[in-house]
Amino acid sequence: MSTSPAPRTPDTPHPRDCHPIAPRRVAFDWRTTPLHWIPDEPTATHVINVLHLLLPAGERWFVTVFKEALPLVRDEELLRDVKGFMGQEATHSVQHAYVLDHLAHQGLDTGRYTRHIDFLFAYLLGAKPPLGLPLPQQEWLRFRLSLIAAIEQFTAVLGNWVLAADGLDRAAPDPVMLDLLRWHGAEEVEHRAVAFDMYQHTGGEEPARYLRRILGMSVTAPVLLYLWVCGAAYLLRHDPQLALPSRYSLREHNRAVRRGLLPSWRELGSAVPRYLRRSYHPSQEGSLRTAVAYLASSPAARAAAGAVGRAALS
């Protein structure tokens, strides 16, 4: 007679995807990519371009915080996943920084905005609590890990969205930029659970661990929204190819959503209550099969795999 599996409790480890996580040393050639890489869509272009403003510093910060937390990991499988995650995030940071160089070459200097992002991650979220906050070092580390887990919830949702965004294909975007976004999105889906598992593993006992998870998302969601809107407004205001300085418009944003060029706010916002369910695990987010299939067809990922194969044979 069959028996039902024992119900999971919040402290029960969730089985991880049996899929190796490793960085792909991709490269992209930006020489022919136009500033408005979605033709005639400056708002959609720049709302997505905010990723290039946030990710170089943000993903370097992920790696720094995870390095601090590595001595706390007692699970060998998780440790392998974390090291693969760190390698992928470091590669993402480098590739998005190259896009910032390309934007600057086209006359769109993002330095004034990205300096604020650098300050956020290097000082406000650095190795020590800011402003002399009397927090134990381990508690500060756990809080920052909870922020990374919450951010990775949104990156997994965005990764799943961009892999399925037929509207982008219909808009005839620059193929190099689309490949960057889908390669990155596929890797976000691929490692979607690692930051969450890392936080759960190092986050202490319940109920404090769950309450800290709520706090992490409560800080992350509004701050990301603020940074995204401000970033899009900055890019539109400083775009040298627009006849007049442009302002971010919710009306234009929603028009781009209807065309399938951007995810809806509802789609992004619905990720929050899912994440806050006690039983939730990010392996429920997106399709690993779809992500792996794209990585097998991505021009940049295939070129990187070919270079690795040639190096191994030489």
C-alpha atoms as a PDB file:
ATOM      1  CA  MET A   1       0.000   0.000   0.000  1.00  0.00           C
ATOM      2  CA  SER A   2       1.421   3.432  -0.968  1.00  0.00           C
ATOM      3  CA  THR A   3       1.841   6.107   1.626  1.00  0.00           C
ATOM      4  CA  SER A   4       1.805   9.849   1.186  1.00  0.00           C
ATOM      5  CA  PRO A   5       5.063  11.718   1.737  1.00  0.00           C
ATOM      6  CA  ALA A   6       5.472  13.485   5.024  1.00  0.00           C
ATOM      7  CA  PRO A   7       4.372  17.109   4.797  1.00  0.00           C
ATOM      8  CA  ARG A   8       7.159  19.667   4.546  1.00  0.00           C
ATOM      9  CA  THR A   9       7.650  22.152   7.333  1.00  0.00           C
ATOM     10  CA  PRO A  10       9.412  25.494   6.913  1.00  0.00           C
ATOM     11  CA  ASP A  11      12.605  23.866   8.239  1.00  0.00           C
ATOM     12  CA  THR A  12      12.499  20.915   5.832  1.00  0.00           C
ATOM     13  CA  PRO A  13      15.152  21.326   3.113  1.00  0.00           C
ATOM     14  CA  HIS A  14      13.595  21.650  -0.315  1.00  0.00           C
ATOM     15  CA  PRO A  15      15.054  19.328  -2.965  1.00  0.00           C
ATOM     16  CA  ARG A  16      17.184  21.382  -5.341  1.00  0.00           C
ATOM     17  CA  ASP A  17      17.093  21.050  -9.094  1.00  0.00           C
ATOM     18  CA  CYS A  18      19.546  18.347 -10.202  1.00  0.00           C
ATOM     19  CA  HIS A  19      21.183  20.692 -12.657  1.00  0.00           C
ATOM     20  CA  PRO A  20      24.789  21.898 -12.561  1.00  0.00           C
ATOM     21  CA  ILE A  21      25.231  25.664 -12.304  1.00  0.00           C
ATOM     22  CA  ALA A  22      28.337  27.034 -13.966  1.00  0.00           C
ATOM     23  CA  PRO A  23      29.309  30.358 -15.535  1.00  0.00           C
ATOM     24  CA  ARG A  24      29.440  30.720 -19.305  1.00  0.00           C
ATOM     25  CA  ARG A  25      32.221  33.032 -20.433  1.00  0.00           C
ATOM     26  CA  VAL A  26      30.159  34.837 -23.052  1.00  0.00           C
ATOM     27  CA  ALA A  27      31.089  37.887 -25.100  1.00  0.00           C
ATOM     28  CA  PHE A  28      28.964  40.317 -27.112  1.00  0.00           C
ATOM     29  CA  ASP A  29      29.894  42.634 -29.971  1.00  0.00           C
ATOM     30  CA  TRP A  30      28.132  45.976 -29.451  1.00  0.00           C
ATOM     31  CA  ARG A  31      29.562  47.849 -32.428  1.00  0.00           C
ATOM     32  CA  THR A  32      26.353  47.775 -34.491  1.00  0.00           C
ATOM     33  CA  THR A  33      23.806  47.974 -31.644  1.00  0.00           C
ATOM     34  CA  PRO A  34      21.805  51.222 -31.882  1.00  0.00           C
ATOM     35  CA  LEU A  35      20.987  53.317 -28.842  1.00  0.00           C
ATOM     36  CA  HIS A  36      17.281  52.604 -29.370  1.00  0.00           C
ATOM     37  CA  TRP A  37      17.710  48.869 -29.780  1.00  0.00           C
ATOM     38  CA  ILE A  38      13.921  48.420 -29.884  1.00  0.00           C
ATOM     39  CA  PRO A  39      13.114  50.490 -32.995  1.00  0.00           C
ATOM     40  CA  ASP A  40      10.953  53.573 -32.350  1.00  0.00           C
ATOM     41  CA  GLU A  41      10.456  52.579 -28.699  1.00  0.00           C
ATOM     42  CA  PRO A  42      12.614  54.807 -26.475  1.00  0.00           C
ATOM     43  CA  THR A  43      10.512  54.165 -23.341  1.00  0.00           C
ATOM     44  CA  ALA A  44      10.582  50.371 -23.632  1.00  0.00           C
ATOM     45  CA  THR A  45      14.263  50.490 -24.574  1.00  0.00           C
ATOM     46  CA  HIS A  46      15.242  52.557 -21.564  1.00  0.00           C
ATOM     47  CA  VAL A  47      13.007  50.807 -19.046  1.00  0.00           C
ATOM     48  CA  ILE A  48      14.900  47.622 -19.907  1.00  0.00           C
ATOM     49  CA  ASN A  49      18.206  49.512 -20.047  1.00  0.00           C
ATOM     50  CA  VAL A  50      17.820  50.229 -16.330  1.00  0.00           C
ATOM     51  CA  LEU A  51      19.154  46.698 -15.870  1.00  0.00           C
ATOM     52  CA  HIS A  52      22.525  47.907 -17.133  1.00  0.00           C
ATOM     53  CA  LEU A  53      22.501  50.675 -14.509  1.00  0.00           C
ATOM     54  CA  LEU A  54      21.699  48.423 -11.561  1.00  0.00           C
ATOM     55  CA  LEU A  55      23.370  45.119 -12.296  1.00  0.00           C
ATOM     56  CA  PRO A  56      27.113  45.827 -12.536  1.00  0.00           C
ATOM     57  CA  ALA A  57      27.335  47.105  -8.945  1.00  0.00           C
ATOM     58  CA  GLY A  58      24.461  44.955  -7.673  1.00  0.00           C
ATOM     59  CA  GLU A  59      25.822  41.652  -8.876  1.00  0.00           C
ATOM     60  CA  ARG A  60      29.344  42.470  -7.673  1.00  0.00           C
ATOM     61  CA  TRP A  61      27.703  43.036  -4.300  1.00  0.00           C
ATOM     62  CA  PHE A  62      25.967  39.634  -4.481  1.00  0.00           C
ATOM     63  CA  VAL A  63      29.342  37.984  -4.941  1.00  0.00           C
ATOM     64  CA  THR A  64      30.922  39.966  -2.094  1.00  0.00           C
ATOM     65  CA  VAL A  65      28.149  39.069   0.367  1.00  0.00           C
ATOM     66  CA  PHE A  66      28.187  35.403  -0.637  1.00  0.00           C
ATOM     67  CA  LYS A  67      31.956  35.285  -0.103  1.00  0.00           C
ATOM     68  CA  GLU A  68      31.352  36.505   3.458  1.00  0.00           C
ATOM     69  CA  ALA A  69      28.749  33.780   3.985  1.00  0.00           C
ATOM     70  CA  LEU A  70      30.652  30.832   2.449  1.00  0.00           C
ATOM     71  CA  PRO A  71      32.157  29.723   5.809  1.00  0.00           C
ATOM     72  CA  LEU A  72      28.593  29.218   7.116  1.00  0.00           C
ATOM     73  CA  VAL A  73      27.662  26.671   4.423  1.00  0.00           C
ATOM     74  CA  ARG A  74      27.682  23.086   5.686  1.00  0.00           C
ATOM     75  CA  ASP A  75      25.990  21.439   2.684  1.00  0.00           C
ATOM     76  CA  GLU A  76      28.386  20.373  -0.094  1.00  0.00           C
ATOM     77  CA  GLU A  77      25.713  20.403  -2.805  1.00  0.00           C
ATOM     78  CA  LEU A  78      24.599  23.889  -1.827  1.00  0.00           C
ATOM     79  CA  LEU A  79      28.234  25.008  -1.712  1.00  0.00           C
ATOM     80  CA  ARG A  80      28.734  23.874  -5.324  1.00  0.00           C
ATOM     81  CA  ASP A  81      25.569  25.696  -6.390  1.00  0.00           C
ATOM     82  CA  VAL A  82      26.617  28.863  -4.557  1.00  0.00           C
ATOM     83  CA  LYS A  83      30.031  28.890  -6.234  1.00  0.00           C
ATOM     84  CA  GLY A  84      28.364  28.409  -9.628  1.00  0.00           C
ATOM     85  CA  PHE A  85      25.933  31.218  -8.806  1.00  0.00           C
ATOM     86  CA  MET A  86      28.808  33.515  -7.881  1.00  0.00           C
ATOM     87  CA  GLY A  87      30.555  32.775 -11.167  1.00  0.00           C
ATOM     88  CA  GLN A  88      27.411  33.491 -13.165  1.00  0.00           C
ATOM     89  CA  GLU A  89      26.702  36.727 -11.303  1.00  0.00           C
ATOM     90  CA  ALA A  90      30.266  37.962 -11.780  1.00  0.00           C
ATOM     91  CA  THR A  91      29.931  37.347 -15.535  1.00  0.00           C
ATOM     92  CA  HIS A  92      26.580  39.174 -15.631  1.00  0.00           C
ATOM     93  CA  SER A  93      28.138  42.173 -13.901  1.00  0.00           C
ATOM     94  CA  VAL A  94      30.970  42.394 -16.428  1.00  0.00           C
ATOM     95  CA  GLN A  95      28.745  42.044 -19.498  1.00  0.00           C
ATOM     96  CA  HIS A  96      26.260  44.691 -18.357  1.00  0.00           C
ATOM     97  CA  ALA A  97      29.148  47.050 -17.542  1.00  0.00           C
ATOM     98  CA  TYR A  98      30.258  46.716 -21.183  1.00  0.00           C
ATOM     99  CA  VAL A  99      26.791  47.923 -22.216  1.00  0.00           C
ATOM    100  CA  LEU A 100      27.273  51.031 -20.054  1.00  0.00           C
ATOM    101  CA  ASP A 101      30.507  51.692 -21.978  1.00  0.00           C
ATOM    102  CA  HIS A 102      28.567  51.317 -25.234  1.00  0.00           C
ATOM    103  CA  LEU A 103      25.888  53.773 -24.054  1.00  0.00           C
ATOM    104  CA  ALA A 104      28.587  56.282 -23.122  1.00  0.00           C
ATOM    105  CA  HIS A 105      30.190  55.855 -26.559  1.00  0.00           C
ATOM    106  CA  GLN A 106      26.805  56.794 -28.078  1.00  0.00           C
ATOM    107  CA  GLY A 107      26.599  59.940 -25.986  1.00  0.00           C
ATOM    108  CA  LEU A 108      24.497  58.669 -23.083  1.00  0.00           C
ATOM    109  CA  ASP A 109      26.695  58.999 -19.984  1.00  0.00           C
ATOM    110  CA  THR A 110      25.209  57.118 -17.033  1.00  0.00           C
ATOM    111  CA  GLY A 111      27.912  58.026 -14.508  1.00  0.00           C
ATOM    112  CA  ARG A 112      25.814  60.435 -12.441  1.00  0.00           C
ATOM    113  CA  TYR A 113      23.195  57.744 -11.852  1.00  0.00           C
ATOM    114  CA  THR A 114      25.476  54.754 -11.361  1.00  0.00           C
ATOM    115  CA  ARG A 115      27.527  56.605  -8.735  1.00  0.00           C
ATOM    116  CA  HIS A 116      24.400  56.577  -6.534  1.00  0.00           C
ATOM    117  CA  ILE A 117      24.013  52.826  -7.145  1.00  0.00           C
ATOM    118  CA  ASP A 118      27.669  52.251  -6.257  1.00  0.00           C
ATOM    119  CA  PHE A 119      27.144  54.187  -3.002  1.00  0.00           C
ATOM    120  CA  LEU A 120      24.057  52.121  -2.164  1.00  0.00           C
ATOM    121  CA  PHE A 121      25.825  48.792  -2.457  1.00  0.00           C
ATOM    122  CA  ALA A 122      29.323  49.745  -1.289  1.00  0.00           C
ATOM    123  CA  TYR A 123      28.352  51.883   1.721  1.00  0.00           C
ATOM    124  CA  LEU A 124      24.715  51.468   2.738  1.00  0.00           C
ATOM    125  CA  LEU A 125      24.872  47.693   2.201  1.00  0.00           C
ATOM    126  CA  GLY A 126      28.584  47.168   2.774  1.00  0.00           C
ATOM    127  CA  ALA A 127      30.388  44.813   5.138  1.00  0.00           C
ATOM    128  CA  LYS A 128      29.466  46.900   8.205  1.00  0.00           C
ATOM    129  CA  PRO A 129      26.046  48.340   9.097  1.00  0.00           C
ATOM    130  CA  PRO A 130      25.814  51.992   7.993  1.00  0.00           C
ATOM    131  CA  LEU A 131      25.554  54.967  10.340  1.00  0.00           C
ATOM    132  CA  GLY A 132      26.903  52.889  13.221  1.00  0.00           C
ATOM    133  CA  LEU A 133      23.733  50.792  13.539  1.00  0.00           C
ATOM    134  CA  PRO A 134      24.196  48.492  16.560  1.00  0.00           C
ATOM    135  CA  LEU A 135      23.614  45.213  14.714  1.00  0.00           C
ATOM    136  CA  PRO A 136      25.673  42.061  15.341  1.00  0.00           C
ATOM    137  CA  GLN A 137      27.797  41.234  12.275  1.00  0.00           C
ATOM    138  CA  GLN A 138      26.075  37.897  11.698  1.00  0.00           C
ATOM    139  CA  GLU A 139      22.630  39.490  11.827  1.00  0.00           C
ATOM    140  CA  TRP A 140      23.728  42.150   9.306  1.00  0.00           C
ATOM    141  CA  LEU A 141      24.983  39.376   7.025  1.00  0.00           C
ATOM    142  CA  ARG A 142      21.694  37.494   7.310  1.00  0.00           C
ATOM    143  CA  PHE A 143      19.735  40.636   6.500  1.00  0.00           C
ATOM    144  CA  ARG A 144      21.798  41.238   3.355  1.00  0.00           C
ATOM    145  CA  LEU A 145      21.335  37.600   2.328  1.00  0.00           C
ATOM    146  CA  SER A 146      17.569  38.065   2.734  1.00  0.00           C
ATOM    147  CA  LEU A 147      17.753  41.072   0.390  1.00  0.00           C
ATOM    148  CA  ILE A 148      19.603  39.041  -2.235  1.00  0.00           C
ATOM    149  CA  ALA A 149      17.046  36.229  -2.002  1.00  0.00           C
ATOM    150  CA  ALA A 150      14.236  38.767  -2.513  1.00  0.00           C
ATOM    151  CA  ILE A 151      16.001  40.427  -5.461  1.00  0.00           C
ATOM    152  CA  GLU A 152      16.547  37.025  -7.056  1.00  0.00           C
ATOM    153  CA  GLN A 153      12.806  36.418  -6.869  1.00  0.00           C
ATOM    154  CA  PHE A 154      12.313  39.345  -9.244  1.00  0.00           C
ATOM    155  CA  THR A 155      15.224  38.408 -11.508  1.00  0.00           C
ATOM    156  CA  ALA A 156      13.740  34.930 -11.921  1.00  0.00           C
ATOM    157  CA  VAL A 157      10.365  36.442 -12.853  1.00  0.00           C
ATOM    158  CA  LEU A 158      12.043  38.814 -15.320  1.00  0.00           C
ATOM    159  CA  GLY A 159      14.132  35.978 -16.745  1.00  0.00           C
ATOM    160  CA  ASN A 160      11.044  33.859 -17.291  1.00  0.00           C
ATOM    161  CA  TRP A 161       9.274  36.834 -18.894  1.00  0.00           C
ATOM    162  CA  VAL A 162      12.048  37.698 -21.368  1.00  0.00           C
ATOM    163  CA  LEU A 163      12.379  34.083 -22.509  1.00  0.00           C
ATOM    164  CA  ALA A 164       8.699  34.085 -23.480  1.00  0.00           C
ATOM    165  CA  ALA A 165       8.403  37.700 -24.696  1.00  0.00           C
ATOM    166  CA  ASP A 166       7.123  37.211 -28.240  1.00  0.00           C
ATOM    167  CA  GLY A 167       6.363  40.940 -28.380  1.00  0.00           C
ATOM    168  CA  LEU A 168      10.069  41.664 -28.346  1.00  0.00           C
ATOM    169  CA  ASP A 169      10.611  39.366 -31.325  1.00  0.00           C
ATOM    170  CA  ARG A 170       7.808  41.068 -33.262  1.00  0.00           C
ATOM    171  CA  ALA A 171       9.367  44.492 -32.589  1.00  0.00           C
ATOM    172  CA  ALA A 172      12.569  43.459 -34.445  1.00  0.00           C
ATOM    173  CA  PRO A 173      15.036  44.445 -31.686  1.00  0.00           C
ATOM    174  CA  ASP A 174      18.796  44.385 -32.011  1.00  0.00           C
ATOM    175  CA  PRO A 175      19.665  40.653 -31.930  1.00  0.00           C
ATOM    176  CA  VAL A 176      22.790  41.097 -29.815  1.00  0.00           C
ATOM    177  CA  MET A 177      20.918  42.922 -27.048  1.00  0.00           C
ATOM    178  CA  LEU A 178      18.090  40.401 -27.163  1.00  0.00           C
ATOM    179  CA  ASP A 179      20.588  37.555 -26.828  1.00  0.00           C
ATOM    180  CA  LEU A 180      22.228  39.274 -23.841  1.00  0.00           C
ATOM    181  CA  LEU A 181      18.876  39.665 -22.118  1.00  0.00           C
ATOM    182  CA  ARG A 182      17.746  36.120 -22.822  1.00  0.00           C
ATOM    183  CA  TRP A 183      21.100  34.557 -21.933  1.00  0.00           C
ATOM    184  CA  HIS A 184      21.027  36.463 -18.649  1.00  0.00           C
ATOM    185  CA  GLY A 185      17.347  35.681 -18.076  1.00  0.00           C
ATOM    186  CA  ALA A 186      17.912  31.979 -18.716  1.00  0.00           C
ATOM    187  CA  GLU A 187      20.737  31.872 -16.177  1.00  0.00           C
ATOM    188  CA  GLU A 188      18.515  33.666 -13.653  1.00  0.00           C
ATOM    189  CA  VAL A 189      15.923  30.921 -14.074  1.00  0.00           C
ATOM    190  CA  GLU A 190      18.679  28.312 -13.969  1.00  0.00           C
ATOM    191  CA  HIS A 191      19.951  29.487 -10.561  1.00  0.00           C
ATOM    192  CA  ARG A 192      16.576  30.824  -9.349  1.00  0.00           C
ATOM    193  CA  ALA A 193      16.652  28.939  -6.025  1.00  0.00           C
ATOM    194  CA  VAL A 194      20.295  29.325  -4.984  1.00  0.00           C
ATOM    195  CA  ALA A 195      20.055  32.655  -3.125  1.00  0.00           C
ATOM    196  CA  PHE A 196      16.874  31.517  -1.367  1.00  0.00           C
ATOM    197  CA  ASP A 197      18.474  28.206  -0.347  1.00  0.00           C
ATOM    198  CA  MET A 198      21.573  30.057   0.834  1.00  0.00           C
ATOM    199  CA  TYR A 199      19.460  32.357   2.984  1.00  0.00           C
ATOM    200  CA  GLN A 200      17.402  29.479   4.399  1.00  0.00           C
ATOM    201  CA  HIS A 201      20.575  27.543   5.193  1.00  0.00           C
ATOM    202  CA  THR A 202      22.294  30.436   6.985  1.00  0.00           C
ATOM    203  CA  GLY A 203      19.288  32.392   8.250  1.00  0.00           C
ATOM    204  CA  GLY A 204      19.039  30.976  11.743  1.00  0.00           C
ATOM    205  CA  GLU A 205      15.993  29.454  13.391  1.00  0.00           C
ATOM    206  CA  GLU A 206      12.295  29.993  12.813  1.00  0.00           C
ATOM    207  CA  PRO A 207      10.347  32.213  13.330  1.00  0.00           C
ATOM    208  CA  ALA A 208      13.109  34.845  13.097  1.00  0.00           C
ATOM    209  CA  ARG A 209      14.242  33.483   9.721  1.00  0.00           C
ATOM    210  CA  TYR A 210      10.779  33.846   8.197  1.00  0.00           C
ATOM    211  CA  LEU A 211      10.246  37.303   9.707  1.00  0.00           C
ATOM    212  CA  ARG A 212      13.582  38.400   8.252  1.00  0.00           C
ATOM    213  CA  ARG A 213      12.495  37.044   4.872  1.00  0.00           C
ATOM    214  CA  ILE A 214       9.388  39.261   5.086  1.00  0.00           C
ATOM    215  CA  LEU A 215      11.555  42.248   6.030  1.00  0.00           C
ATOM    216  CA  GLY A 216      13.929  41.562   3.139  1.00  0.00           C
ATOM    217  CA  MET A 217      11.104  41.630   0.620  1.00  0.00           C
ATOM    218  CA  SER A 218       9.458  44.637   2.313  1.00  0.00           C
ATOM    219  CA  VAL A 219      12.663  46.618   1.733  1.00  0.00           C
ATOM    220  CA  THR A 220      13.517  45.178  -1.688  1.00  0.00           C
ATOM    221  CA  ALA A 221      10.225  45.640  -3.556  1.00  0.00           C
ATOM    222  CA  PRO A 222       9.726  49.408  -3.007  1.00  0.00           C
ATOM    223  CA  VAL A 223      13.427  50.234  -3.389  1.00  0.00           C
ATOM    224  CA  LEU A 224      13.648  48.341  -6.686  1.00  0.00           C
ATOM    225  CA  LEU A 225      10.516  50.111  -7.954  1.00  0.00           C
ATOM    226  CA  TYR A 226      11.967  53.497  -7.002  1.00  0.00           C
ATOM    227  CA  LEU A 227      15.354  52.781  -8.592  1.00  0.00           C
ATOM    228  CA  TRP A 228      13.738  51.447 -11.757  1.00  0.00           C
ATOM    229  CA  VAL A 229      11.462  54.447 -12.308  1.00  0.00           C
ATOM    230  CA  CYS A 230      14.269  56.898 -11.490  1.00  0.00           C
ATOM    231  CA  GLY A 231      16.651  55.021 -13.803  1.00  0.00           C
ATOM    232  CA  ALA A 232      14.204  55.056 -16.710  1.00  0.00           C
ATOM    233  CA  ALA A 233      13.552  58.769 -16.134  1.00  0.00           C
ATOM    234  CA  TYR A 234      17.298  59.478 -16.099  1.00  0.00           C
ATOM    235  CA  LEU A 235      17.929  57.599 -19.350  1.00  0.00           C
ATOM    236  CA  LEU A 236      15.050  59.260 -21.163  1.00  0.00           C
ATOM    237  CA  ARG A 237      16.029  62.712 -19.903  1.00  0.00           C
ATOM    238  CA  HIS A 238      19.643  62.313 -21.060  1.00  0.00           C
ATOM    239  CA  ASP A 239      19.018  60.453 -24.320  1.00  0.00           C
ATOM    240  CA  PRO A 240      20.965  62.418 -26.968  1.00  0.00           C
ATOM    241  CA  GLN A 241      18.908  61.024 -29.851  1.00  0.00           C
ATOM    242  CA  LEU A 242      15.576  62.439 -28.671  1.00  0.00           C
ATOM    243  CA  ALA A 243      14.714  65.824 -30.148  1.00  0.00           C
ATOM    244  CA  LEU A 244      13.712  67.188 -26.744  1.00  0.00           C
ATOM    245  CA  PRO A 245      14.482  65.949 -23.212  1.00  0.00           C
ATOM    246  CA  SER A 246      11.840  63.332 -22.494  1.00  0.00           C
ATOM    247  CA  ARG A 247      10.137  62.357 -19.270  1.00  0.00           C
ATOM    248  CA  TYR A 248       9.210  58.886 -18.113  1.00  0.00           C
ATOM    249  CA  SER A 249       5.507  58.389 -18.818  1.00  0.00           C
ATOM    250  CA  LEU A 250       3.355  55.719 -17.221  1.00  0.00           C
ATOM    251  CA  ARG A 251       1.084  55.994 -20.261  1.00  0.00           C
ATOM    252  CA  GLU A 252       3.957  55.135 -22.620  1.00  0.00           C
ATOM    253  CA  HIS A 253       5.087  52.393 -20.268  1.00  0.00           C
ATOM    254  CA  ASN A 254       1.630  50.796 -20.281  1.00  0.00           C
ATOM    255  CA  ARG A 255       1.450  51.071 -24.071  1.00  0.00           C
ATOM    256  CA  ALA A 256       4.717  49.125 -24.256  1.00  0.00           C
ATOM    257  CA  VAL A 257       3.261  46.529 -21.868  1.00  0.00           C
ATOM    258  CA  ARG A 258       0.247  46.083 -24.174  1.00  0.00           C
ATOM    259  CA  ARG A 259       2.631  45.508 -27.092  1.00  0.00           C
ATOM    260  CA  GLY A 260       4.425  42.818 -25.090  1.00  0.00           C
ATOM    261  CA  LEU A 261       7.648  44.834 -24.842  1.00  0.00           C
ATOM    262  CA  LEU A 262       7.665  45.058 -21.047  1.00  0.00           C
ATOM    263  CA  PRO A 263       6.286  42.917 -18.224  1.00  0.00           C
ATOM    264  CA  SER A 264       3.258  44.351 -16.463  1.00  0.00           C
ATOM    265  CA  TRP A 265       3.474  45.767 -12.960  1.00  0.00           C
ATOM    266  CA  ARG A 266       0.861  43.182 -11.962  1.00  0.00           C
ATOM    267  CA  GLU A 267       3.075  40.362 -13.204  1.00  0.00           C
ATOM    268  CA  LEU A 268       6.003  41.672 -11.184  1.00  0.00           C
ATOM    269  CA  GLY A 269       3.906  42.511  -8.130  1.00  0.00           C
ATOM    270  CA  SER A 270       2.343  39.050  -7.987  1.00  0.00           C
ATOM    271  CA  ALA A 271       5.816  37.661  -7.264  1.00  0.00           C
ATOM    272  CA  VAL A 272       5.668  39.224  -3.785  1.00  0.00           C
ATOM    273  CA  PRO A 273       2.770  37.255  -2.216  1.00  0.00           C
ATOM    274  CA  ARG A 274       4.123  34.032  -3.775  1.00  0.00           C
ATOM    275  CA  TYR A 275       7.480  34.661  -2.141  1.00  0.00           C
ATOM    276  CA  LEU A 276       5.898  35.352   1.251  1.00  0.00           C
ATOM    277  CA  ARG A 277       4.070  32.014   1.442  1.00  0.00           C
ATOM    278  CA  ARG A 278       5.772  29.906   4.086  1.00  0.00           C
ATOM    279  CA  SER A 279       5.711  26.858   1.780  1.00  0.00           C
ATOM    280  CA  TYR A 280       7.153  28.734  -1.211  1.00  0.00           C
ATOM    281  CA  HIS A 281      10.342  27.693  -2.970  1.00  0.00           C
ATOM    282  CA  PRO A 282      11.765  29.426  -6.079  1.00  0.00           C
ATOM    283  CA  SER A 283      12.043  26.135  -7.954  1.00  0.00           C
ATOM    284  CA  GLN A 284       8.334  26.783  -8.635  1.00  0.00           C
ATOM    285  CA  GLU A 285       9.277  29.935 -10.597  1.00  0.00           C
ATOM    286  CA  GLY A 286       9.595  29.719 -14.369  1.00  0.00           C
ATOM    287  CA  SER A 287      10.684  26.741 -16.454  1.00  0.00           C
ATOM    288  CA  LEU A 288      14.155  25.286 -16.086  1.00  0.00           C
ATOM    289  CA  ARG A 289      13.612  23.303 -19.288  1.00  0.00           C
ATOM    290  CA  THR A 290      12.901  26.494 -21.255  1.00  0.00           C
ATOM    291  CA  ALA A 291      15.946  28.210 -19.764  1.00  0.00           C
ATOM    292  CA  VAL A 292      18.288  25.333 -20.574  1.00  0.00           C
ATOM    293  CA  ALA A 293      16.869  25.096 -24.093  1.00  0.00           C
ATOM    294  CA  TYR A 294      17.611  28.767 -24.714  1.00  0.00           C
ATOM    295  CA  LEU A 295      21.133  28.437 -23.350  1.00  0.00           C
ATOM    296  CA  ALA A 296      21.687  25.597 -25.824  1.00  0.00           C
ATOM    297  CA  SER A 297      20.654  27.880 -28.718  1.00  0.00           C
ATOM    298  CA  SER A 298      21.973  31.302 -27.563  1.00  0.00           C
ATOM    299  CA  PRO A 299      24.615  32.547 -30.026  1.00  0.00           C
ATOM    300  CA  ALA A 300      26.779  33.937 -27.225  1.00  0.00           C
ATOM    301  CA  ALA A 301      26.454  30.854 -24.996  1.00  0.00           C
ATOM    302  CA  ARG A 302      27.171  28.518 -27.924  1.00  0.00           C
ATOM    303  CA  ALA A 303      30.254  30.525 -28.869  1.00  0.00           C
ATOM    304  CA  ALA A 304      31.450  30.378 -25.247  1.00  0.00           C
ATOM    305  CA  ALA A 305      30.893  26.612 -25.112  1.00  0.00           C
ATOM    306  CA  GLY A 306      32.759  26.197 -28.398  1.00  0.00           C
ATOM    307  CA  ALA A 307      35.705  28.192 -27.074  1.00  0.00           C
ATOM    308  CA  VAL A 308      35.827  26.012 -23.956  1.00  0.00           C
ATOM    309  CA  GLY A 309      35.703  22.875 -26.109  1.00  0.00           C
ATOM    310  CA  ARG A 310      38.527  24.078 -28.365  1.00  0.00           C
ATOM    311  CA  ALA A 311      40.650  24.992 -25.337  1.00  0.00           C
ATOM    312  CA  ALA A 312      40.110  21.531 -23.863  1.00  0.00           C
ATOM    313  CA  LEU A 313      41.276  19.871 -27.115  1.00  0.00           C
ATOM    314  CA  SER A 314      44.366  22.066 -27.558  1.00  0.00           C
END
